[in-house]
Amino acid sequence: MIISSAKSFEEIMELLKGEDDIFIVGCNACAAKLHLGGEEDVLRMHKQLEKAGKHVVGWVIPSAACSVASFESLVGKNPAIKEARSILVMACGSGVSVVSSVAGVPVYPSNNTESLGGRSHGKVLGDLCAMCGSCGVHDFGGICPKGQCPKQLLNGPCGGSMNGKCEVDPEKDCVWALIYTRLEKIDRLDLLEKIWGCEETVDES
């Protein structure tokens, strides 16, 4: 699940400065789950834009903005998109990029994309993965230090970690305290003996 946050309406209006005949594309996947691109959110944005003096020609909510197959598929859902001179995409950066690739008009994002996350126990969890392309999360008890440590430390906590809290963000638990607890729980503290380098892992045990 891609974690995003909404841009302020003022920022969106600045992006759309000089633009009109706007079409809104939502997203019924991640953005909808975060209340940033579902039907309610799109209708709210429609109303705000109209109130601010923008002409909105229509809207559509594909199952996922990042998997829009073609411009024709959007036309099939709402032909009004053919009248658009600009498109506002209420999805993650991937959705904006995909819609941009099929649209022949300027495309703008309403959201900021932050991280790859998920949902557990009813909570939205961010920064679960840094999408680095070289996954070794199993060696950290399923907790990604690249995604969750502000310093992306792979060989233990920094010297600033105090009482299990992060030096950079004291409101957050230090990811290395979480990793230690998780590895202890599954009886794999031996994994902490691995030393991670830039290119590969060296087992010093």
C-alpha atoms as a PDB file:
ATOM      1  CA  MET A   1       0.000   0.000   0.000  1.00  0.00           C
ATOM      2  CA  ILE A   2       1.416   3.367  -1.034  1.00  0.00           C
ATOM      3  CA  ILE A   3       1.265   5.944   1.762  1.00  0.00           C
ATOM      4  CA  SER A   4       0.396   9.466   0.658  1.00  0.00           C
ATOM      5  CA  SER A   5      -0.731  12.680   2.296  1.00  0.00           C
ATOM      6  CA  ALA A   6      -2.891  15.450   0.875  1.00  0.00           C
ATOM      7  CA  LYS A   7      -1.380  18.654  -0.431  1.00  0.00           C
ATOM      8  CA  SER A   8      -3.027  21.746   1.012  1.00  0.00           C
ATOM      9  CA  PHE A   9      -5.823  23.150  -1.128  1.00  0.00           C
ATOM     10  CA  GLU A  10      -3.781  26.344  -1.462  1.00  0.00           C
ATOM     11  CA  GLU A  11      -0.909  24.356  -2.979  1.00  0.00           C
ATOM     12  CA  ILE A  12      -3.278  22.568  -5.357  1.00  0.00           C
ATOM     13  CA  MET A  13      -4.714  25.918  -6.460  1.00  0.00           C
ATOM     14  CA  GLU A  14      -1.180  27.184  -7.092  1.00  0.00           C
ATOM     15  CA  LEU A  15      -0.480  24.101  -9.242  1.00  0.00           C
ATOM     16  CA  LEU A  16      -3.689  24.716 -11.183  1.00  0.00           C
ATOM     17  CA  LYS A  17      -3.015  28.423 -11.625  1.00  0.00           C
ATOM     18  CA  GLY A  18      -4.033  29.339 -15.160  1.00  0.00           C
ATOM     19  CA  GLU A  19      -5.659  25.923 -15.699  1.00  0.00           C
ATOM     20  CA  ASP A  20      -9.368  25.352 -16.246  1.00  0.00           C
ATOM     21  CA  ASP A  21     -11.753  22.710 -17.605  1.00  0.00           C
ATOM     22  CA  ILE A  22     -10.308  20.323 -15.045  1.00  0.00           C
ATOM     23  CA  PHE A  23     -11.057  16.608 -14.897  1.00  0.00           C
ATOM     24  CA  ILE A  24     -10.451  14.731 -11.629  1.00  0.00           C
ATOM     25  CA  VAL A  25      -9.102  11.171 -11.560  1.00  0.00           C
ATOM     26  CA  GLY A  26      -9.379   9.405  -8.210  1.00  0.00           C
ATOM     27  CA  CYS A  27      -8.078   6.006  -7.145  1.00  0.00           C
ATOM     28  CA  ASN A  28     -10.100   3.209  -5.582  1.00  0.00           C
ATOM     29  CA  ALA A  29      -7.018   1.463  -4.198  1.00  0.00           C
ATOM     30  CA  CYS A  30      -4.461   2.946  -1.774  1.00  0.00           C
ATOM     31  CA  ALA A  31      -5.672   6.547  -2.024  1.00  0.00           C
ATOM     32  CA  ALA A  32      -9.268   5.537  -1.275  1.00  0.00           C
ATOM     33  CA  LYS A  33      -8.163   3.557   1.790  1.00  0.00           C
ATOM     34  CA  LEU A  34      -6.358   6.674   3.038  1.00  0.00           C
ATOM     35  CA  HIS A  35      -9.395   8.877   2.263  1.00  0.00           C
ATOM     36  CA  LEU A  36      -7.406  10.792  -0.353  1.00  0.00           C
ATOM     37  CA  GLY A  37      -8.907   9.589  -3.641  1.00  0.00           C
ATOM     38  CA  GLY A  38     -12.170   7.739  -3.090  1.00  0.00           C
ATOM     39  CA  GLU A  39     -15.586   8.946  -4.239  1.00  0.00           C
ATOM     40  CA  GLU A  40     -16.230  11.117  -1.172  1.00  0.00           C
ATOM     41  CA  ASP A  41     -12.801  12.727  -1.525  1.00  0.00           C
ATOM     42  CA  VAL A  42     -13.204  13.350  -5.248  1.00  0.00           C
ATOM     43  CA  LEU A  43     -16.654  14.910  -4.772  1.00  0.00           C
ATOM     44  CA  ARG A  44     -15.267  17.113  -1.999  1.00  0.00           C
ATOM     45  CA  MET A  45     -12.417  18.262  -4.256  1.00  0.00           C
ATOM     46  CA  HIS A  46     -14.891  18.876  -7.100  1.00  0.00           C
ATOM     47  CA  LYS A  47     -16.930  21.120  -4.808  1.00  0.00           C
ATOM     48  CA  GLN A  48     -13.862  22.991  -3.514  1.00  0.00           C
ATOM     49  CA  LEU A  49     -12.536  23.653  -7.008  1.00  0.00           C
ATOM     50  CA  GLU A  50     -15.895  24.877  -8.263  1.00  0.00           C
ATOM     51  CA  LYS A  51     -16.233  27.142  -5.219  1.00  0.00           C
ATOM     52  CA  ALA A  52     -12.761  28.523  -5.975  1.00  0.00           C
ATOM     53  CA  GLY A  53     -13.893  29.445  -9.498  1.00  0.00           C
ATOM     54  CA  LYS A  54     -12.496  26.476 -11.434  1.00  0.00           C
ATOM     55  CA  HIS A  55     -14.621  24.650 -13.998  1.00  0.00           C
ATOM     56  CA  VAL A  56     -14.586  20.893 -13.383  1.00  0.00           C
ATOM     57  CA  VAL A  57     -15.767  18.966 -16.448  1.00  0.00           C
ATOM     58  CA  GLY A  58     -16.089  15.639 -14.665  1.00  0.00           C
ATOM     59  CA  TRP A  59     -14.445  12.918 -12.647  1.00  0.00           C
ATOM     60  CA  VAL A  60     -13.761   9.207 -12.607  1.00  0.00           C
ATOM     61  CA  ILE A  61     -12.441   6.701 -10.094  1.00  0.00           C
ATOM     62  CA  PRO A  62     -10.581   3.792 -11.723  1.00  0.00           C
ATOM     63  CA  SER A  63      -9.939   0.689  -9.642  1.00  0.00           C
ATOM     64  CA  ALA A  64      -6.326   1.879  -9.376  1.00  0.00           C
ATOM     65  CA  ALA A  65      -4.877   5.011 -10.970  1.00  0.00           C
ATOM     66  CA  CYS A  66      -1.527   3.256 -11.388  1.00  0.00           C
ATOM     67  CA  SER A  67      -3.076   0.641 -13.691  1.00  0.00           C
ATOM     68  CA  VAL A  68      -5.029   2.819 -16.134  1.00  0.00           C
ATOM     69  CA  ALA A  69      -4.575   0.958 -19.417  1.00  0.00           C
ATOM     70  CA  SER A  70      -5.327   3.754 -21.863  1.00  0.00           C
ATOM     71  CA  PHE A  71      -6.997   7.112 -22.375  1.00  0.00           C
ATOM     72  CA  GLU A  72      -9.863   5.241 -24.021  1.00  0.00           C
ATOM     73  CA  SER A  73     -10.475   3.301 -20.806  1.00  0.00           C
ATOM     74  CA  LEU A  74     -10.982   6.611 -18.982  1.00  0.00           C
ATOM     75  CA  VAL A  75     -13.244   7.860 -21.791  1.00  0.00           C
ATOM     76  CA  GLY A  76     -15.282   4.676 -21.383  1.00  0.00           C
ATOM     77  CA  LYS A  77     -15.888   5.531 -17.736  1.00  0.00           C
ATOM     78  CA  ASN A  78     -16.658   9.206 -18.377  1.00  0.00           C
ATOM     79  CA  PRO A  79     -16.535  10.742 -21.890  1.00  0.00           C
ATOM     80  CA  ALA A  80     -16.313  14.225 -20.312  1.00  0.00           C
ATOM     81  CA  ILE A  81     -12.565  13.689 -19.949  1.00  0.00           C
ATOM     82  CA  LYS A  82     -12.280  14.527 -23.654  1.00  0.00           C
ATOM     83  CA  GLU A  83     -13.269  18.108 -22.757  1.00  0.00           C
ATOM     84  CA  ALA A  84     -10.525  18.445 -20.151  1.00  0.00           C
ATOM     85  CA  ARG A  85      -7.670  20.875 -20.597  1.00  0.00           C
ATOM     86  CA  SER A  86      -5.977  19.632 -17.405  1.00  0.00           C
ATOM     87  CA  ILE A  87      -6.299  16.651 -15.074  1.00  0.00           C
ATOM     88  CA  LEU A  88      -5.966  16.501 -11.294  1.00  0.00           C
ATOM     89  CA  VAL A  89      -5.017  13.023 -10.081  1.00  0.00           C
ATOM     90  CA  MET A  90      -5.931  12.121  -6.511  1.00  0.00           C
ATOM     91  CA  ALA A  91      -3.534   9.204  -6.162  1.00  0.00           C
ATOM     92  CA  CYS A  92       0.140   8.488  -5.518  1.00  0.00           C
ATOM     93  CA  GLY A  93       2.970   9.588  -7.800  1.00  0.00           C
ATOM     94  CA  SER A  94       2.723   6.327  -9.695  1.00  0.00           C
ATOM     95  CA  GLY A  95      -0.915   7.028 -10.547  1.00  0.00           C
ATOM     96  CA  VAL A  96      -0.029  10.555 -11.670  1.00  0.00           C
ATOM     97  CA  SER A  97       2.733   9.175 -13.912  1.00  0.00           C
ATOM     98  CA  VAL A  98       0.481   6.538 -15.484  1.00  0.00           C
ATOM     99  CA  VAL A  99      -2.340   8.994 -16.166  1.00  0.00           C
ATOM    100  CA  SER A 100       0.227  11.439 -17.598  1.00  0.00           C
ATOM    101  CA  SER A 101       1.432   8.733 -19.972  1.00  0.00           C
ATOM    102  CA  VAL A 102      -2.019   8.310 -21.547  1.00  0.00           C
ATOM    103  CA  ALA A 103      -3.351  11.886 -21.353  1.00  0.00           C
ATOM    104  CA  GLY A 104      -2.568  14.590 -23.853  1.00  0.00           C
ATOM    105  CA  VAL A 105      -3.030  17.438 -21.357  1.00  0.00           C
ATOM    106  CA  PRO A 106      -1.138  18.613 -18.242  1.00  0.00           C
ATOM    107  CA  VAL A 107      -1.615  16.319 -15.232  1.00  0.00           C
ATOM    108  CA  TYR A 108      -1.222  17.470 -11.620  1.00  0.00           C
ATOM    109  CA  PRO A 109      -1.031  15.614  -8.272  1.00  0.00           C
ATOM    110  CA  SER A 110      -3.262  16.397  -5.298  1.00  0.00           C
ATOM    111  CA  ASN A 111      -1.203  14.196  -2.980  1.00  0.00           C
ATOM    112  CA  ASN A 112       2.383  13.808  -1.797  1.00  0.00           C
ATOM    113  CA  THR A 113       3.714  10.246  -1.943  1.00  0.00           C
ATOM    114  CA  GLU A 114       5.603   9.303   1.206  1.00  0.00           C
ATOM    115  CA  SER A 115       6.376   5.607   1.484  1.00  0.00           C
ATOM    116  CA  LEU A 116       5.328   2.019   0.990  1.00  0.00           C
ATOM    117  CA  GLY A 117       3.236   0.934   3.941  1.00  0.00           C
ATOM    118  CA  GLY A 118       0.256  -1.141   4.925  1.00  0.00           C
ATOM    119  CA  ARG A 119      -2.595  -1.638   7.378  1.00  0.00           C
ATOM    120  CA  SER A 120      -2.577  -3.746  10.525  1.00  0.00           C
ATOM    121  CA  HIS A 121      -4.974  -3.882  13.487  1.00  0.00           C
ATOM    122  CA  GLY A 122      -6.972  -1.056  11.911  1.00  0.00           C
ATOM    123  CA  LYS A 123      -3.979   1.292  11.747  1.00  0.00           C
ATOM    124  CA  VAL A 124      -2.212   2.679   8.693  1.00  0.00           C
ATOM    125  CA  LEU A 125       1.512   1.896   8.905  1.00  0.00           C
ATOM    126  CA  GLY A 126       3.962   3.977   6.907  1.00  0.00           C
ATOM    127  CA  ASP A 127       7.629   3.567   5.991  1.00  0.00           C
ATOM    128  CA  LEU A 128       7.456  -0.231   5.971  1.00  0.00           C
ATOM    129  CA  CYS A 129       9.653  -0.485   2.875  1.00  0.00           C
ATOM    130  CA  ALA A 130      12.172   1.770   1.130  1.00  0.00           C
ATOM    131  CA  MET A 131      11.697  -0.092  -2.172  1.00  0.00           C
ATOM    132  CA  CYS A 132      15.487  -0.356  -2.502  1.00  0.00           C
ATOM    133  CA  GLY A 133      15.425  -3.320  -4.887  1.00  0.00           C
ATOM    134  CA  SER A 134      17.573  -5.541  -2.647  1.00  0.00           C
ATOM    135  CA  CYS A 135      15.283  -6.959   0.028  1.00  0.00           C
ATOM    136  CA  GLY A 136      16.865  -8.407   3.160  1.00  0.00           C
ATOM    137  CA  VAL A 137      14.007  -7.633   5.547  1.00  0.00           C
ATOM    138  CA  HIS A 138      13.939 -11.249   6.770  1.00  0.00           C
ATOM    139  CA  ASP A 139      17.298 -10.648   8.476  1.00  0.00           C
ATOM    140  CA  PHE A 140      15.729  -7.867  10.545  1.00  0.00           C
ATOM    141  CA  GLY A 141      12.715  -9.790  11.775  1.00  0.00           C
ATOM    142  CA  GLY A 142      10.513  -8.387   9.024  1.00  0.00           C
ATOM    143  CA  ILE A 143      11.208  -4.762  10.003  1.00  0.00           C
ATOM    144  CA  CYS A 144      12.996  -2.702   7.341  1.00  0.00           C
ATOM    145  CA  PRO A 145      15.686  -0.389   8.776  1.00  0.00           C
ATOM    146  CA  LYS A 146      16.112   1.332   5.407  1.00  0.00           C
ATOM    147  CA  GLY A 147      12.461   2.275   5.419  1.00  0.00           C
ATOM    148  CA  GLN A 148      12.018   3.052   9.113  1.00  0.00           C
ATOM    149  CA  CYS A 149      15.365   4.415  10.349  1.00  0.00           C
ATOM    150  CA  PRO A 150      15.818   8.093   9.354  1.00  0.00           C
ATOM    151  CA  LYS A 151      19.553   7.389   9.020  1.00  0.00           C
ATOM    152  CA  GLN A 152      18.946   4.062   7.206  1.00  0.00           C
ATOM    153  CA  LEU A 153      21.403   2.316   9.535  1.00  0.00           C
ATOM    154  CA  LEU A 154      21.849  -1.389   8.781  1.00  0.00           C
ATOM    155  CA  ASN A 155      24.197  -2.398  11.607  1.00  0.00           C
ATOM    156  CA  GLY A 156      22.448  -1.334  14.777  1.00  0.00           C
ATOM    157  CA  PRO A 157      21.259   1.906  16.330  1.00  0.00           C
ATOM    158  CA  CYS A 158      23.088   5.212  16.298  1.00  0.00           C
ATOM    159  CA  GLY A 159      24.602   6.669  19.451  1.00  0.00           C
ATOM    160  CA  GLY A 160      21.709   9.099  19.786  1.00  0.00           C
ATOM    161  CA  SER A 161      19.022   6.505  20.456  1.00  0.00           C
ATOM    162  CA  MET A 162      17.773   6.923  24.045  1.00  0.00           C
ATOM    163  CA  ASN A 163      15.400   4.695  25.994  1.00  0.00           C
ATOM    164  CA  GLY A 164      14.264   2.965  22.831  1.00  0.00           C
ATOM    165  CA  LYS A 165      13.344   6.236  21.105  1.00  0.00           C
ATOM    166  CA  CYS A 166      14.661   7.695  17.846  1.00  0.00           C
ATOM    167  CA  GLU A 167      17.145  10.566  18.048  1.00  0.00           C
ATOM    168  CA  VAL A 168      15.746  12.224  14.908  1.00  0.00           C
ATOM    169  CA  ASP A 169      12.094  11.843  15.931  1.00  0.00           C
ATOM    170  CA  PRO A 170      11.761  11.237  19.706  1.00  0.00           C
ATOM    171  CA  GLU A 171       8.051  10.483  19.240  1.00  0.00           C
ATOM    172  CA  LYS A 172       8.992   7.335  17.298  1.00  0.00           C
ATOM    173  CA  ASP A 173      10.363   4.091  18.659  1.00  0.00           C
ATOM    174  CA  CYS A 174      13.930   3.416  17.520  1.00  0.00           C
ATOM    175  CA  VAL A 175      13.580   0.863  14.733  1.00  0.00           C
ATOM    176  CA  TRP A 176      16.582  -1.023  16.113  1.00  0.00           C
ATOM    177  CA  ALA A 177      14.848  -1.448  19.470  1.00  0.00           C
ATOM    178  CA  LEU A 178      11.880  -2.883  17.544  1.00  0.00           C
ATOM    179  CA  ILE A 179      14.158  -5.158  15.501  1.00  0.00           C
ATOM    180  CA  TYR A 180      15.871  -6.452  18.647  1.00  0.00           C
ATOM    181  CA  THR A 181      12.526  -7.192  20.310  1.00  0.00           C
ATOM    182  CA  ARG A 182      11.200  -8.944  17.204  1.00  0.00           C
ATOM    183  CA  LEU A 183      14.346 -11.084  16.747  1.00  0.00           C
ATOM    184  CA  GLU A 184      14.331 -11.970  20.435  1.00  0.00           C
ATOM    185  CA  LYS A 185      10.695 -13.047  20.162  1.00  0.00           C
ATOM    186  CA  ILE A 186      11.420 -15.412  17.265  1.00  0.00           C
ATOM    187  CA  ASP A 187      14.690 -16.630  18.834  1.00  0.00           C
ATOM    188  CA  ARG A 188      16.892 -15.237  16.056  1.00  0.00           C
ATOM    189  CA  LEU A 189      19.158 -12.746  17.842  1.00  0.00           C
ATOM    190  CA  ASP A 190      22.010 -14.472  16.006  1.00  0.00           C
ATOM    191  CA  LEU A 191      21.026 -12.413  12.952  1.00  0.00           C
ATOM    192  CA  LEU A 192      22.388  -9.323  14.720  1.00  0.00           C
ATOM    193  CA  GLU A 193      25.886 -10.763  14.229  1.00  0.00           C
ATOM    194  CA  LYS A 194      25.694 -10.108  10.505  1.00  0.00           C
ATOM    195  CA  ILE A 195      27.555  -7.038   9.282  1.00  0.00           C
ATOM    196  CA  TRP A 196      25.962  -5.248   6.375  1.00  0.00           C
ATOM    197  CA  GLY A 197      28.134  -3.406   3.871  1.00  0.00           C
ATOM    198  CA  CYS A 198      27.242  -1.261   0.892  1.00  0.00           C
ATOM    199  CA  GLU A 199      27.048  -4.115  -1.608  1.00  0.00           C
ATOM    200  CA  GLU A 200      26.752  -7.323   0.362  1.00  0.00           C
ATOM    201  CA  THR A 201      26.321  -8.929   3.748  1.00  0.00           C
ATOM    202  CA  VAL A 202      29.293 -10.472   5.538  1.00  0.00           C
ATOM    203  CA  ASP A 203      28.571 -13.106   8.159  1.00  0.00           C
ATOM    204  CA  GLU A 204      31.037 -12.631  11.004  1.00  0.00           C
ATOM    205  CA  SER A 205      29.622 -15.403  13.208  1.00  0.00           C
END
